[in-house]
Amino acid sequence: MLYHLFYSLADTFSVFNVFRYITFRSVQALVTALILSIFLGPAMIRFLVRLKFGQHILEEVAAHKAKAGTPTMGGLLIAGSVLISVLLWGDLRNHYLWLTILVFAGFGAVGLIDDYIKVVRKNNKGLSARAKFWGQVAVALLAIGLLFLEPAYSTKLYVPFFKVLTPDLGWFYIPFAVLVLVGSSNGVNLTDGLDGLAIGTTVVASGCMAVFIYVAGHAALAKYLFVASVPGVGEVTVFCGALIGAGLGFLWYNAHPAQMFMGDVGSLSLGGALGFISVLSKQELLLAVVGGVFVFETLSVVLQVGYFKFSGGKRIFRMAPLHHHFELKGIPESKIIIRFWILSILMALMALSTLKLR
């Protein structure tokens, strides 16, 4: 809204010319979302406490007993801060921006239903795994289907480290892209088990993806760095900025010891948005590096379940996802979180280095 209000004044008043720059508006979106989430955080906590939206805790982890009753569904704070910020600073004529909002809101709605069943109906299992999965697939299919209508978008797959290796998947790109979105969403969801762990790694990944989406939308930079050029997609950088700001604001209250948790409404929406941004920027494969922590957490669950069934009850880890394994080994929660953050930063730097290693 602010973009459309001041953009038209740029020809008359040169001071408003800055509103034409995506970088300026992305920074403002970050600051706006950060201020909103920090300012509204206490009210959100009181609201969740009044409704008795308390988190169910893992009985297997003794250290989590103190967290019983901590308000959950704090992802609503993230969602509100992101959407308000994007509506203020984004170019609302951009289709890619609206598609990103659709994915963010759609995956968040699936998570909200899951949280509602857990918290309000007192069913700790929430949505069935099948219902949650198909809900995510439905949102992903809708978004990818609409993306296919964009004439500038390609079904080519860009492989990191290679300049010319770009196989065209054709119609097979649809199930591949859906897998990216659903996998990313569930990866963040599985990582959300310790105070600040998921949101901290998401902020790092969002910052990294902001660089890739900006480069993809900048024809000269994309040509220079030998990455896919997608005209118009750079506007999604504003969304990334808002995601970083809202994430940092939420971390203000989610840092150990957490005053509130994000719930599935937060983790599913964040993961789905990251997956879609990787699709828009044609960095689907590189997302596995950017979100390396999410990949490790997901793999630990897959390996644990698979080995448990294959071996007749034996386990690889003391508990999955991976962060709980380290907890049960006696490593303090804060140390696990910070080490995972460090790993996330290293993975993001590795991903960014591929821009020149081609």
Protein backbone atom coordinates (compact mmCIF):
# COMPACT_ATOMS: atom_id res chain seq x y z
CA MET A 1 0.00 0.00 0.00
CA LEU A 2 2.80 2.40 0.90
CA TYR A 3 4.58 1.36 -2.29
CA HIS A 4 1.62 2.30 -4.47
CA LEU A 5 1.00 5.49 -2.49
CA PHE A 6 4.52 6.88 -2.78
CA TYR A 7 5.64 5.34 -6.08
CA SER A 8 3.42 7.71 -8.05
CA LEU A 9 4.96 10.69 -6.25
CA ALA A 10 8.54 9.75 -7.23
CA ASP A 11 8.40 11.76 -10.48
CA THR A 12 7.40 14.88 -8.56
CA PHE A 13 9.37 14.41 -5.33
CA SER A 14 12.73 12.71 -5.85
CA VAL A 15 12.90 11.68 -2.19
CA PHE A 16 10.25 9.04 -2.90
CA ASN A 17 12.35 7.46 -5.62
CA VAL A 18 13.73 4.98 -3.06
CA PHE A 19 10.35 3.23 -3.06
CA ARG A 20 11.16 1.94 -6.54
CA TYR A 21 14.02 -0.17 -5.19
CA ILE A 22 13.28 -3.69 -4.03
CA THR A 23 16.25 -3.63 -1.64
CA PHE A 24 14.93 -0.56 0.18
CA ARG A 25 11.42 -1.97 0.51
CA SER A 26 12.75 -5.36 1.63
CA VAL A 27 14.67 -3.73 4.48
CA GLN A 28 11.60 -1.70 5.45
CA ALA A 29 9.48 -4.84 5.36
CA LEU A 30 11.99 -6.52 7.69
CA VAL A 31 11.96 -3.61 10.14
CA THR A 32 8.16 -3.31 10.03
CA ALA A 33 7.59 -7.01 10.67
CA LEU A 34 10.19 -6.99 13.46
CA ILE A 35 8.54 -4.04 15.23
CA LEU A 36 5.05 -5.50 14.78
CA SER A 37 5.99 -8.91 16.16
CA ILE A 38 7.86 -7.51 19.17
CA PHE A 39 5.13 -4.96 19.91
CA LEU A 40 2.23 -7.42 19.53
CA GLY A 41 4.04 -10.34 21.19
CA PRO A 42 2.91 -9.71 24.79
CA ALA A 43 -0.72 -9.28 23.69
CA MET A 44 -0.53 -12.52 21.71
CA ILE A 45 0.89 -14.39 24.71
CA ARG A 46 -1.88 -13.07 26.98
CA PHE A 47 -4.49 -13.99 24.36
CA LEU A 48 -3.20 -17.57 24.02
CA VAL A 49 -2.96 -17.97 27.81
CA ARG A 50 -6.52 -16.70 28.27
CA LEU A 51 -7.77 -19.25 25.75
CA LYS A 52 -5.67 -21.93 27.50
CA PHE A 53 -3.89 -22.85 24.28
CA GLY A 54 -1.11 -24.70 26.09
CA GLN A 55 1.53 -26.92 24.50
CA HIS A 56 1.51 -30.68 25.03
CA ILE A 57 5.02 -31.74 26.10
CA LEU A 58 7.10 -34.85 25.48
CA GLU A 59 6.98 -37.04 28.56
CA GLU A 60 10.12 -38.90 27.40
CA VAL A 61 12.27 -35.79 27.87
CA ALA A 62 12.42 -34.83 31.54
CA ALA A 63 13.73 -31.33 30.80
CA HIS A 64 10.49 -30.53 28.96
CA LYS A 65 8.25 -30.89 32.02
CA ALA A 66 8.77 -27.23 32.86
CA LYS A 67 7.39 -26.29 29.41
CA ALA A 68 3.97 -27.84 30.01
CA GLY A 69 1.24 -25.27 29.42
CA THR A 70 3.42 -22.80 27.51
CA PRO A 71 1.09 -21.10 25.01
CA THR A 72 1.31 -22.41 21.46
CA MET A 73 -0.02 -21.26 18.06
CA GLY A 74 2.32 -18.28 18.23
CA GLY A 75 2.78 -18.76 14.49
CA LEU A 76 -0.29 -16.51 14.18
CA LEU A 77 1.94 -13.65 15.33
CA ILE A 78 4.46 -14.46 12.59
CA ALA A 79 1.73 -14.73 9.96
CA GLY A 80 0.10 -11.44 10.92
CA SER A 81 3.39 -9.54 11.01
CA VAL A 82 4.50 -10.95 7.65
CA LEU A 83 1.22 -10.28 5.85
CA ILE A 84 0.81 -6.72 7.16
CA SER A 85 4.41 -5.89 6.28
CA VAL A 86 4.16 -7.36 2.77
CA LEU A 87 0.89 -5.55 2.08
CA LEU A 88 2.51 -2.28 3.15
CA TRP A 89 5.78 -2.55 1.24
CA GLY A 90 5.17 -4.99 -1.62
CA ASP A 91 4.10 -4.33 -5.19
CA LEU A 92 0.62 -5.84 -5.01
CA ARG A 93 0.42 -6.10 -8.80
CA ASN A 94 3.11 -8.80 -8.76
CA HIS A 95 1.68 -12.30 -9.30
CA TYR A 96 4.66 -14.09 -7.77
CA LEU A 97 4.19 -12.17 -4.53
CA TRP A 98 0.54 -13.22 -4.30
CA LEU A 99 1.42 -16.84 -5.06
CA THR A 100 3.94 -16.79 -2.21
CA ILE A 101 1.29 -15.37 0.11
CA LEU A 102 -1.08 -18.13 -1.04
CA VAL A 103 1.42 -20.84 -0.14
CA PHE A 104 2.26 -19.19 3.19
CA ALA A 105 -1.40 -18.82 4.15
CA GLY A 106 -2.47 -22.21 2.73
CA PHE A 107 0.13 -24.25 4.60
CA GLY A 108 -0.56 -22.14 7.67
CA ALA A 109 -4.26 -23.02 7.44
CA VAL A 110 -3.41 -26.75 7.44
CA GLY A 111 -1.25 -26.18 10.51
CA LEU A 112 -3.97 -24.12 12.18
CA ILE A 113 -6.48 -26.95 11.82
CA ASP A 114 -3.93 -29.38 13.25
CA ASP A 115 -3.24 -27.07 16.21
CA TYR A 116 -6.95 -26.52 16.80
CA ILE A 117 -7.58 -30.26 17.08
CA LYS A 118 -4.63 -30.67 19.44
CA VAL A 119 -5.31 -27.70 21.69
CA VAL A 120 -9.07 -27.11 21.62
CA ARG A 121 -10.29 -30.67 21.21
CA LYS A 122 -7.52 -32.00 23.47
CA ASN A 123 -6.43 -34.56 20.89
CA ASN A 124 -2.63 -34.65 21.12
CA LYS A 125 -2.33 -36.39 17.76
CA GLY A 126 -4.03 -33.56 15.87
CA LEU A 127 -4.81 -34.17 12.20
CA SER A 128 -4.06 -37.65 10.97
CA ALA A 129 -0.78 -37.91 9.07
CA ARG A 130 -2.72 -38.69 5.90
CA ALA A 131 -5.05 -35.69 6.24
CA LYS A 132 -2.17 -33.33 6.96
CA PHE A 133 -0.17 -34.67 4.01
CA TRP A 134 -3.02 -34.34 1.51
CA GLY A 135 -3.84 -30.89 2.80
CA GLN A 136 -0.27 -29.81 2.10
CA VAL A 137 -0.32 -31.49 -1.31
CA ALA A 138 -3.56 -29.70 -2.24
CA VAL A 139 -2.09 -26.27 -1.42
CA ALA A 140 1.15 -27.09 -3.24
CA LEU A 141 -0.68 -28.35 -6.34
CA LEU A 142 -2.81 -25.20 -6.48
CA ALA A 143 0.23 -22.93 -6.21
CA ILE A 144 2.34 -24.84 -8.74
CA GLY A 145 -0.62 -25.06 -11.13
CA LEU A 146 -1.06 -21.28 -11.00
CA LEU A 147 2.70 -20.83 -11.38
CA PHE A 148 2.54 -22.80 -14.63
CA LEU A 149 0.26 -20.08 -16.02
CA GLU A 150 3.10 -17.55 -15.75
CA PRO A 151 4.68 -17.33 -19.24
CA ALA A 152 8.09 -16.36 -17.85
CA TYR A 153 8.39 -19.47 -15.71
CA SER A 154 10.36 -22.49 -16.91
CA THR A 155 10.20 -26.18 -16.02
CA LYS A 156 13.97 -26.51 -16.32
CA LEU A 157 15.90 -27.79 -13.32
CA TYR A 158 19.10 -25.88 -12.54
CA VAL A 159 21.82 -28.01 -10.98
CA PRO A 160 24.26 -26.29 -8.56
CA PHE A 161 27.92 -26.02 -9.65
CA PHE A 162 27.03 -26.51 -13.34
CA LYS A 163 26.46 -23.72 -15.88
CA VAL A 164 24.78 -25.70 -18.63
CA LEU A 165 23.24 -28.70 -16.85
CA THR A 166 19.57 -27.69 -16.98
CA PRO A 167 17.33 -30.67 -17.80
CA ASP A 168 13.75 -29.77 -18.70
CA LEU A 169 11.39 -31.87 -16.56
CA GLY A 170 8.26 -30.84 -18.44
CA TRP A 171 5.10 -32.05 -16.71
CA PHE A 172 7.22 -34.07 -14.27
CA TYR A 173 8.20 -30.74 -12.75
CA ILE A 174 4.80 -30.52 -11.04
CA PRO A 175 5.18 -33.55 -8.72
CA PHE A 176 8.82 -32.58 -8.15
CA ALA A 177 7.89 -29.04 -7.07
CA VAL A 178 5.06 -30.36 -4.87
CA LEU A 179 7.57 -32.68 -3.20
CA VAL A 180 9.88 -29.71 -2.54
CA LEU A 181 7.11 -27.70 -0.87
CA VAL A 182 5.71 -30.55 1.23
CA GLY A 183 9.18 -31.79 2.19
CA SER A 184 10.33 -28.32 3.23
CA SER A 185 7.17 -27.74 5.24
CA ASN A 186 7.52 -31.00 7.16
CA GLY A 187 11.26 -30.45 7.63
CA VAL A 188 10.67 -27.19 9.53
CA ASN A 189 7.84 -28.86 11.44
CA LEU A 190 10.12 -31.68 12.64
CA THR A 191 12.81 -29.18 13.62
CA ASP A 192 10.38 -27.26 15.83
CA GLY A 193 11.12 -29.11 19.06
CA LEU A 194 13.41 -26.84 21.07
CA ASP A 195 13.10 -23.18 22.07
CA GLY A 196 14.13 -21.01 19.14
CA LEU A 197 15.57 -23.86 17.09
CA ALA A 198 13.17 -23.82 14.13
CA ILE A 199 12.69 -20.07 13.93
CA GLY A 200 16.42 -19.36 14.21
CA THR A 201 17.31 -21.71 11.38
CA THR A 202 14.37 -20.40 9.33
CA VAL A 203 15.60 -16.82 9.67
CA VAL A 204 19.04 -17.86 8.39
CA ALA A 205 17.52 -19.81 5.49
CA SER A 206 15.20 -16.89 4.64
CA GLY A 207 18.15 -14.51 4.48
CA CYS A 208 19.96 -16.86 2.13
CA MET A 209 16.92 -17.37 -0.11
CA ALA A 210 16.39 -13.60 -0.23
CA VAL A 211 19.73 -13.33 -2.05
CA PHE A 212 18.80 -16.04 -4.55
CA ILE A 213 15.33 -14.67 -5.28
CA TYR A 214 16.70 -11.15 -5.74
CA VAL A 215 19.39 -12.38 -8.15
CA ALA A 216 16.83 -14.43 -10.11
CA GLY A 217 14.72 -11.32 -10.59
CA HIS A 218 17.68 -9.14 -11.64
CA ALA A 219 18.46 -9.90 -15.29
CA ALA A 220 22.02 -8.52 -15.25
CA LEU A 221 23.02 -10.30 -12.03
CA ALA A 222 21.44 -13.57 -13.15
CA LYS A 223 23.35 -13.45 -16.43
CA TYR A 224 26.63 -12.61 -14.70
CA LEU A 225 26.25 -15.41 -12.12
CA PHE A 226 24.89 -17.98 -14.60
CA VAL A 227 21.65 -18.58 -12.72
CA ALA A 228 18.08 -18.70 -13.99
CA SER A 229 16.51 -15.35 -14.75
CA VAL A 230 12.82 -15.10 -13.85
CA PRO A 231 11.51 -11.60 -14.67
CA GLY A 232 9.39 -10.15 -11.87
CA VAL A 233 10.26 -12.70 -9.23
CA GLY A 234 12.60 -10.30 -7.41
CA GLU A 235 9.59 -8.70 -5.72
CA VAL A 236 9.38 -11.79 -3.48
CA THR A 237 12.52 -10.43 -1.77
CA VAL A 238 10.13 -8.14 0.10
CA PHE A 239 8.36 -11.22 1.45
CA CYS A 240 11.72 -12.69 2.53
CA GLY A 241 12.52 -9.47 4.36
CA ALA A 242 9.19 -9.61 6.19
CA LEU A 243 9.80 -13.27 7.04
CA ILE A 244 13.20 -12.45 8.55
CA GLY A 245 11.80 -9.56 10.59
CA ALA A 246 8.79 -11.49 11.88
CA GLY A 247 11.04 -14.45 12.68
CA LEU A 248 13.45 -12.33 14.71
CA GLY A 249 10.53 -10.70 16.53
CA PHE A 250 9.05 -14.10 17.35
CA LEU A 251 12.47 -15.31 18.51
CA TRP A 252 12.37 -12.48 21.06
CA TYR A 253 9.68 -14.49 22.88
CA ASN A 254 10.57 -17.98 21.68
CA ALA A 255 14.21 -17.89 22.85
CA HIS A 256 15.02 -20.26 25.71
CA PRO A 257 13.12 -20.37 28.01
CA ALA A 258 10.29 -19.83 25.53
CA GLN A 259 7.27 -17.72 26.43
CA MET A 260 5.33 -19.18 23.50
CA PHE A 261 5.70 -21.76 20.75
CA MET A 262 4.84 -21.34 17.08
CA GLY A 263 2.79 -24.52 16.67
CA ASP A 264 2.11 -26.15 13.32
CA VAL A 265 0.44 -22.98 12.06
CA GLY A 266 3.90 -21.43 12.16
CA SER A 267 6.20 -24.29 11.19
CA LEU A 268 4.15 -25.56 8.23
CA SER A 269 3.67 -22.07 6.78
CA LEU A 270 7.35 -21.15 7.16
CA GLY A 271 8.56 -24.38 5.59
CA GLY A 272 6.06 -24.18 2.74
CA ALA A 273 7.07 -20.60 1.97
CA LEU A 274 10.78 -21.48 1.93
CA GLY A 275 10.09 -24.37 -0.42
CA PHE A 276 8.08 -22.18 -2.78
CA ILE A 277 10.72 -19.44 -2.80
CA SER A 278 13.29 -22.06 -3.83
CA VAL A 279 10.97 -23.09 -6.68
CA LEU A 280 10.48 -19.48 -7.79
CA SER A 281 14.23 -18.81 -7.78
CA LYS A 282 14.98 -22.14 -9.52
CA GLN A 283 17.12 -23.26 -6.57
CA GLU A 284 15.07 -26.31 -5.63
CA LEU A 285 18.09 -28.62 -5.28
CA LEU A 286 20.12 -26.02 -3.41
CA LEU A 287 17.38 -25.77 -0.78
CA ALA A 288 18.70 -29.05 0.62
CA VAL A 289 21.93 -27.20 1.41
CA VAL A 290 20.32 -23.95 2.59
CA GLY A 291 18.01 -25.92 4.88
CA GLY A 292 20.58 -28.55 5.76
CA VAL A 293 19.45 -28.63 9.40
CA PHE A 294 15.89 -29.42 8.28
CA VAL A 295 17.22 -32.20 6.05
CA PHE A 296 19.25 -33.75 8.88
CA GLU A 297 16.26 -33.63 11.22
CA THR A 298 13.99 -35.25 8.63
CA LEU A 299 16.52 -37.94 7.73
CA SER A 300 16.95 -38.82 11.40
CA VAL A 301 13.21 -39.55 11.63
CA VAL A 302 13.16 -41.55 8.39
CA LEU A 303 16.20 -43.61 9.43
CA GLN A 304 14.86 -44.16 12.93
CA VAL A 305 11.45 -45.37 11.76
CA GLY A 306 12.88 -47.48 8.95
CA TYR A 307 15.50 -49.15 11.11
CA PHE A 308 12.99 -49.71 13.92
CA LYS A 309 10.69 -51.64 11.56
CA PHE A 310 13.51 -53.48 9.79
CA SER A 311 15.33 -54.57 12.98
CA GLY A 312 12.26 -55.47 14.96
CA GLY A 313 12.39 -52.71 17.53
CA LYS A 314 16.01 -51.48 17.58
CA ARG A 315 16.91 -47.80 17.30
CA ILE A 316 19.72 -45.79 15.72
CA PHE A 317 19.13 -42.70 17.87
CA ARG A 318 17.94 -42.46 21.44
CA MET A 319 15.05 -40.43 20.08
CA ALA A 320 14.15 -38.70 16.82
CA PRO A 321 14.19 -36.00 15.52
CA LEU A 322 17.92 -35.54 15.99
CA HIS A 323 17.79 -32.69 18.51
CA HIS A 324 16.02 -34.95 21.01
CA HIS A 325 18.81 -37.52 20.65
CA PHE A 326 21.32 -34.94 21.85
CA GLU A 327 18.97 -33.88 24.65
CA LEU A 328 18.78 -37.43 25.96
CA LYS A 329 22.58 -37.61 25.84
CA GLY A 330 22.61 -34.84 28.44
CA ILE A 331 23.62 -31.87 26.27
CA PRO A 332 21.95 -28.66 27.52
CA GLU A 333 19.12 -27.39 25.34
CA SER A 334 20.64 -23.95 24.79
CA LYS A 335 23.91 -25.51 23.59
CA ILE A 336 22.08 -27.76 21.09
CA ILE A 337 20.15 -24.79 19.73
CA ILE A 338 23.20 -22.56 19.27
CA ARG A 339 25.19 -25.36 17.64
CA PHE A 340 22.35 -26.02 15.19
CA TRP A 341 22.19 -22.28 14.44
CA ILE A 342 25.91 -22.28 13.70
CA LEU A 343 25.48 -25.28 11.41
CA SER A 344 22.61 -23.49 9.67
CA ILE A 345 24.78 -20.41 9.04
CA LEU A 346 27.59 -22.56 7.64
CA MET A 347 25.18 -24.36 5.31
CA ALA A 348 23.76 -21.04 4.10
CA LEU A 349 27.27 -19.74 3.37
CA MET A 350 28.04 -22.92 1.45
CA ALA A 351 24.90 -22.40 -0.63
CA LEU A 352 25.77 -18.77 -1.36
CA SER A 353 29.25 -19.79 -2.48
CA THR A 354 27.71 -21.76 -5.34
CA LEU A 355 26.84 -18.45 -7.00
CA LYS A 356 30.49 -18.20 -8.07
CA LEU A 357 31.35 -21.90 -8.24
CA ARG A 358 29.88 -22.60 -11.66
